[in-house]
Amino acid sequence: MKFKVRKSTDFLYILTQDIQGKTAYELRMEAMRKGELDIGVHYVIQKDGSVDQGREPYAVAQHSFRAPERSIYVLVDADSLSDLSDAQAFSLDELISSTQGEYPNIQIMK
């Protein structure tokens, strides 16, 4: 499936939710069972710091999110940003850094 391509990338939203170690693939399958087309986020950061790709990085995010046509969304498997493991914090910092390299004016929304 091909999603609409973002025309601009102005925001990087970081979401936290205890997803109990589910991978992007498992979240995608759950979403599809509920009638959705795909996982709504672009990246999922697991507790061990591994990063799964959800939607293609250039795709529009889930329509119910804020500014989906101008944003990249990251879901971190944690109750809050203060609960990140060291590995998650490292991976999130790396993802933010690489995204800022590609989109220098992007605003990070936590």
N, C-alpha and C. Protein backbone atom coordinates (compact mmCIF):
# COMPACT_ATOMS: atom_id res chain seq x y z
N MET A 1 0.84 -1.16 0.00
CA MET A 1 0.00 0.00 0.00
C MET A 1 0.89 1.24 0.00
N LYS A 2 0.49 2.23 -0.75
CA LYS A 2 1.26 3.46 -0.84
C LYS A 2 0.43 4.60 -0.25
N PHE A 3 1.01 5.30 0.70
CA PHE A 3 0.34 6.42 1.33
C PHE A 3 0.74 7.73 0.66
N LYS A 4 -0.09 8.73 0.85
CA LYS A 4 0.18 10.06 0.33
C LYS A 4 1.53 10.55 0.87
N VAL A 5 2.29 11.23 0.03
CA VAL A 5 3.60 11.74 0.40
C VAL A 5 3.43 13.13 1.04
N ARG A 6 4.16 13.35 2.16
CA ARG A 6 4.13 14.67 2.80
C ARG A 6 4.74 15.71 1.87
N LYS A 7 4.14 16.88 1.83
CA LYS A 7 4.68 17.98 1.03
C LYS A 7 5.72 18.76 1.81
N SER A 8 5.60 18.76 3.13
CA SER A 8 6.59 19.42 3.98
C SER A 8 6.72 18.62 5.27
N THR A 9 7.85 18.81 5.92
CA THR A 9 8.09 18.13 7.19
C THR A 9 8.52 19.19 8.19
N ASP A 10 7.58 19.58 9.04
CA ASP A 10 7.80 20.68 9.97
C ASP A 10 7.93 20.23 11.42
N PHE A 11 7.40 19.04 11.74
CA PHE A 11 7.36 18.59 13.12
C PHE A 11 7.79 17.13 13.23
N LEU A 12 8.42 16.81 14.36
CA LEU A 12 8.70 15.43 14.76
C LEU A 12 8.01 15.25 16.10
N TYR A 13 6.93 14.48 16.10
CA TYR A 13 6.18 14.23 17.33
C TYR A 13 6.67 12.94 17.96
N ILE A 14 6.89 13.00 19.28
CA ILE A 14 7.31 11.82 20.02
C ILE A 14 6.17 11.43 20.94
N LEU A 15 5.66 10.23 20.73
CA LEU A 15 4.56 9.69 21.53
C LEU A 15 5.10 8.57 22.41
N THR A 16 4.54 8.42 23.59
CA THR A 16 4.90 7.29 24.44
C THR A 16 3.65 6.50 24.77
N GLN A 17 3.82 5.19 24.80
CA GLN A 17 2.73 4.30 25.17
C GLN A 17 3.35 2.94 25.50
N ASP A 18 2.85 2.32 26.55
CA ASP A 18 3.31 0.98 26.89
C ASP A 18 2.67 0.01 25.91
N ILE A 19 3.41 -0.39 24.90
CA ILE A 19 2.89 -1.30 23.88
C ILE A 19 3.35 -2.73 24.14
N GLN A 20 3.94 -2.95 25.31
CA GLN A 20 4.31 -4.28 25.79
C GLN A 20 5.20 -5.04 24.81
N GLY A 21 6.14 -4.33 24.23
CA GLY A 21 7.12 -4.98 23.37
C GLY A 21 6.63 -5.36 21.98
N LYS A 22 5.45 -4.91 21.60
CA LYS A 22 4.94 -5.24 20.27
C LYS A 22 5.77 -4.53 19.20
N THR A 23 6.04 -5.23 18.14
CA THR A 23 6.79 -4.67 17.03
C THR A 23 5.87 -3.84 16.14
N ALA A 24 6.46 -3.09 15.24
CA ALA A 24 5.66 -2.32 14.28
C ALA A 24 4.78 -3.26 13.46
N TYR A 25 5.31 -4.43 13.12
CA TYR A 25 4.52 -5.40 12.37
C TYR A 25 3.30 -5.85 13.18
N GLU A 26 3.50 -6.16 14.45
CA GLU A 26 2.38 -6.60 15.30
C GLU A 26 1.36 -5.48 15.48
N LEU A 27 1.84 -4.27 15.64
CA LEU A 27 0.92 -3.12 15.75
C LEU A 27 0.15 -2.92 14.45
N ARG A 28 0.82 -3.12 13.33
CA ARG A 28 0.17 -3.01 12.02
C ARG A 28 -0.95 -4.05 11.90
N MET A 29 -0.66 -5.28 12.29
CA MET A 29 -1.66 -6.35 12.20
C MET A 29 -2.86 -6.05 13.12
N GLU A 30 -2.60 -5.54 14.31
CA GLU A 30 -3.69 -5.14 15.21
C GLU A 30 -4.54 -4.04 14.59
N ALA A 31 -3.89 -3.05 14.01
CA ALA A 31 -4.61 -1.94 13.38
C ALA A 31 -5.48 -2.45 12.22
N MET A 32 -4.93 -3.36 11.44
CA MET A 32 -5.69 -3.89 10.31
C MET A 32 -6.88 -4.71 10.78
N ARG A 33 -6.73 -5.45 11.88
CA ARG A 33 -7.86 -6.20 12.43
C ARG A 33 -8.97 -5.26 12.89
N LYS A 34 -8.59 -4.05 13.26
CA LYS A 34 -9.57 -3.04 13.71
C LYS A 34 -10.12 -2.23 12.55
N GLY A 35 -9.69 -2.52 11.32
CA GLY A 35 -10.21 -1.83 10.15
C GLY A 35 -9.35 -0.68 9.66
N GLU A 36 -8.22 -0.44 10.31
CA GLU A 36 -7.31 0.61 9.85
C GLU A 36 -6.47 0.07 8.70
N LEU A 37 -5.86 0.97 7.96
CA LEU A 37 -5.04 0.56 6.82
C LEU A 37 -3.62 0.20 7.22
N ASP A 38 -3.13 0.82 8.31
CA ASP A 38 -1.73 0.63 8.68
C ASP A 38 -1.51 1.21 10.07
N ILE A 39 -0.32 0.99 10.59
CA ILE A 39 0.11 1.65 11.82
C ILE A 39 0.20 3.15 11.49
N GLY A 40 -0.12 4.00 12.43
CA GLY A 40 -0.18 5.43 12.14
C GLY A 40 1.12 6.18 12.24
N VAL A 41 2.14 5.55 12.86
CA VAL A 41 3.41 6.22 13.11
C VAL A 41 4.48 5.77 12.12
N HIS A 42 5.54 6.55 12.06
CA HIS A 42 6.63 6.24 11.14
C HIS A 42 7.68 5.32 11.76
N TYR A 43 7.88 5.46 13.08
CA TYR A 43 8.89 4.66 13.77
C TYR A 43 8.37 4.21 15.13
N VAL A 44 8.83 3.03 15.55
CA VAL A 44 8.55 2.51 16.89
C VAL A 44 9.89 2.19 17.52
N ILE A 45 10.12 2.72 18.73
CA ILE A 45 11.35 2.44 19.45
C ILE A 45 11.03 1.46 20.58
N GLN A 46 11.65 0.29 20.49
CA GLN A 46 11.43 -0.78 21.47
C GLN A 46 12.23 -0.53 22.75
N LYS A 47 11.92 -1.26 23.79
CA LYS A 47 12.60 -1.10 25.08
C LYS A 47 14.10 -1.37 24.97
N ASP A 48 14.51 -2.25 24.05
CA ASP A 48 15.94 -2.54 23.89
C ASP A 48 16.64 -1.52 23.00
N GLY A 49 15.89 -0.50 22.56
CA GLY A 49 16.47 0.55 21.72
C GLY A 49 16.38 0.29 20.23
N SER A 50 15.93 -0.89 19.84
CA SER A 50 15.80 -1.14 18.41
C SER A 50 14.67 -0.27 17.84
N VAL A 51 14.85 0.12 16.59
CA VAL A 51 13.90 1.01 15.93
C VAL A 51 13.25 0.25 14.78
N ASP A 52 11.94 0.13 14.85
CA ASP A 52 11.16 -0.49 13.77
C ASP A 52 10.56 0.61 12.92
N GLN A 53 10.53 0.38 11.63
CA GLN A 53 9.85 1.33 10.75
C GLN A 53 8.38 0.98 10.67
N GLY A 54 7.54 1.97 10.85
CA GLY A 54 6.11 1.80 10.67
C GLY A 54 5.77 2.19 9.24
N ARG A 55 5.19 3.37 9.08
CA ARG A 55 4.93 3.89 7.73
C ARG A 55 6.25 4.32 7.10
N GLU A 56 6.24 4.43 5.80
CA GLU A 56 7.42 4.93 5.10
C GLU A 56 7.75 6.33 5.64
N PRO A 57 9.01 6.67 5.78
CA PRO A 57 9.39 7.95 6.38
C PRO A 57 8.81 9.18 5.67
N TYR A 58 8.52 9.09 4.39
CA TYR A 58 8.01 10.22 3.62
C TYR A 58 6.47 10.29 3.61
N ALA A 59 5.81 9.31 4.19
CA ALA A 59 4.35 9.22 4.11
C ALA A 59 3.66 10.13 5.13
N VAL A 60 2.43 10.50 4.81
CA VAL A 60 1.58 11.23 5.74
C VAL A 60 1.26 10.29 6.91
N ALA A 61 1.21 10.85 8.13
CA ALA A 61 0.90 10.05 9.32
C ALA A 61 -0.60 9.79 9.42
N GLN A 62 -0.98 9.07 10.46
CA GLN A 62 -2.38 8.76 10.70
C GLN A 62 -3.22 10.03 10.74
N HIS A 63 -4.36 10.01 10.08
CA HIS A 63 -5.19 11.21 9.91
C HIS A 63 -5.67 11.81 11.22
N SER A 64 -5.79 11.03 12.28
CA SER A 64 -6.29 11.57 13.55
C SER A 64 -5.22 12.29 14.36
N PHE A 65 -3.97 12.22 13.94
CA PHE A 65 -2.89 12.92 14.64
C PHE A 65 -2.90 14.41 14.28
N ARG A 66 -2.23 15.19 15.11
CA ARG A 66 -2.08 16.61 14.85
C ARG A 66 -1.10 16.81 13.68
N ALA A 67 -1.49 17.60 12.71
CA ALA A 67 -0.66 17.95 11.55
C ALA A 67 -0.05 16.73 10.85
N PRO A 68 -0.84 15.72 10.50
CA PRO A 68 -0.29 14.50 9.91
C PRO A 68 0.39 14.72 8.55
N GLU A 69 -0.01 15.75 7.83
CA GLU A 69 0.57 16.00 6.51
C GLU A 69 1.86 16.82 6.58
N ARG A 70 2.28 17.17 7.82
CA ARG A 70 3.50 17.97 7.98
C ARG A 70 4.42 17.39 9.05
N SER A 71 4.17 16.12 9.45
CA SER A 71 4.87 15.60 10.61
C SER A 71 5.36 14.17 10.45
N ILE A 72 6.42 13.88 11.19
CA ILE A 72 6.91 12.52 11.39
C ILE A 72 6.53 12.14 12.81
N TYR A 73 6.05 10.92 13.00
CA TYR A 73 5.64 10.46 14.32
C TYR A 73 6.49 9.27 14.75
N VAL A 74 6.92 9.33 16.02
CA VAL A 74 7.71 8.27 16.64
C VAL A 74 6.96 7.79 17.87
N LEU A 75 6.77 6.50 18.00
CA LEU A 75 6.14 5.90 19.16
C LEU A 75 7.22 5.17 19.95
N VAL A 76 7.35 5.53 21.24
CA VAL A 76 8.33 4.89 22.11
C VAL A 76 7.58 4.00 23.09
N ASP A 77 8.03 2.76 23.23
CA ASP A 77 7.40 1.79 24.13
C ASP A 77 7.78 2.13 25.57
N ALA A 78 7.06 3.10 26.15
CA ALA A 78 7.29 3.55 27.52
C ALA A 78 6.06 4.30 28.00
N ASP A 79 5.88 4.35 29.31
CA ASP A 79 4.74 5.09 29.87
C ASP A 79 4.90 6.59 29.69
N SER A 80 6.15 7.08 29.76
CA SER A 80 6.42 8.50 29.59
C SER A 80 7.87 8.68 29.17
N LEU A 81 8.23 9.88 28.77
CA LEU A 81 9.61 10.14 28.36
C LEU A 81 10.58 9.99 29.53
N SER A 82 10.11 10.16 30.75
CA SER A 82 10.99 9.98 31.90
C SER A 82 11.25 8.50 32.21
N ASP A 83 10.51 7.61 31.56
CA ASP A 83 10.67 6.17 31.78
C ASP A 83 11.50 5.48 30.70
N LEU A 84 12.15 6.22 29.81
CA LEU A 84 12.91 5.59 28.73
C LEU A 84 14.11 4.84 29.29
N SER A 85 14.38 3.68 28.69
CA SER A 85 15.62 2.98 29.01
C SER A 85 16.77 3.76 28.38
N ASP A 86 17.98 3.48 28.83
CA ASP A 86 19.15 4.14 28.24
C ASP A 86 19.21 3.88 26.74
N ALA A 87 18.90 2.64 26.35
CA ALA A 87 18.94 2.27 24.93
C ALA A 87 17.89 3.05 24.14
N GLN A 88 16.70 3.21 24.70
CA GLN A 88 15.65 3.98 24.03
C GLN A 88 16.05 5.45 23.90
N ALA A 89 16.60 6.01 24.97
CA ALA A 89 17.03 7.41 24.94
C ALA A 89 18.09 7.62 23.87
N PHE A 90 19.04 6.69 23.78
CA PHE A 90 20.08 6.78 22.77
C PHE A 90 19.48 6.71 21.36
N SER A 91 18.61 5.73 21.12
CA SER A 91 17.99 5.57 19.80
C SER A 91 17.14 6.78 19.44
N LEU A 92 16.41 7.31 20.41
CA LEU A 92 15.59 8.49 20.15
C LEU A 92 16.48 9.68 19.79
N ASP A 93 17.56 9.88 20.53
CA ASP A 93 18.49 10.97 20.22
C ASP A 93 19.07 10.81 18.81
N GLU A 94 19.44 9.60 18.45
CA GLU A 94 19.98 9.33 17.11
C GLU A 94 18.94 9.62 16.03
N LEU A 95 17.71 9.21 16.26
CA LEU A 95 16.63 9.44 15.30
C LEU A 95 16.35 10.93 15.16
N ILE A 96 16.33 11.65 16.27
CA ILE A 96 16.12 13.09 16.23
C ILE A 96 17.26 13.76 15.46
N SER A 97 18.48 13.37 15.76
CA SER A 97 19.65 13.95 15.09
C SER A 97 19.63 13.72 13.59
N SER A 98 19.33 12.50 13.17
CA SER A 98 19.31 12.21 11.73
C SER A 98 18.15 12.93 11.04
N THR A 99 17.03 13.06 11.74
CA THR A 99 15.88 13.77 11.17
C THR A 99 16.20 15.26 11.04
N GLN A 100 16.86 15.82 12.04
CA GLN A 100 17.25 17.24 11.97
C GLN A 100 18.28 17.46 10.86
N GLY A 101 19.11 16.45 10.59
CA GLY A 101 20.06 16.57 9.48
C GLY A 101 19.35 16.65 8.14
N GLU A 102 18.26 15.90 8.02
CA GLU A 102 17.50 15.91 6.77
C GLU A 102 16.55 17.09 6.68
N TYR A 103 15.98 17.49 7.82
CA TYR A 103 15.03 18.60 7.88
C TYR A 103 15.53 19.58 8.94
N PRO A 104 16.44 20.48 8.59
CA PRO A 104 17.10 21.35 9.58
C PRO A 104 16.14 22.24 10.40
N ASN A 105 14.99 22.57 9.86
CA ASN A 105 14.07 23.48 10.56
C ASN A 105 12.95 22.74 11.32
N ILE A 106 13.07 21.43 11.42
CA ILE A 106 12.01 20.64 12.06
C ILE A 106 11.90 20.99 13.55
N GLN A 107 10.70 21.05 14.04
CA GLN A 107 10.46 21.29 15.47
C GLN A 107 10.17 19.96 16.16
N ILE A 108 10.84 19.73 17.28
CA ILE A 108 10.66 18.50 18.04
C ILE A 108 9.54 18.73 19.05
N MET A 109 8.52 17.91 18.99
CA MET A 109 7.34 18.04 19.85
C MET A 109 7.29 16.84 20.79
N LYS A 110 7.52 17.10 22.08
CA LYS A 110 7.51 16.02 23.09
C LYS A 110 6.27 16.12 23.94
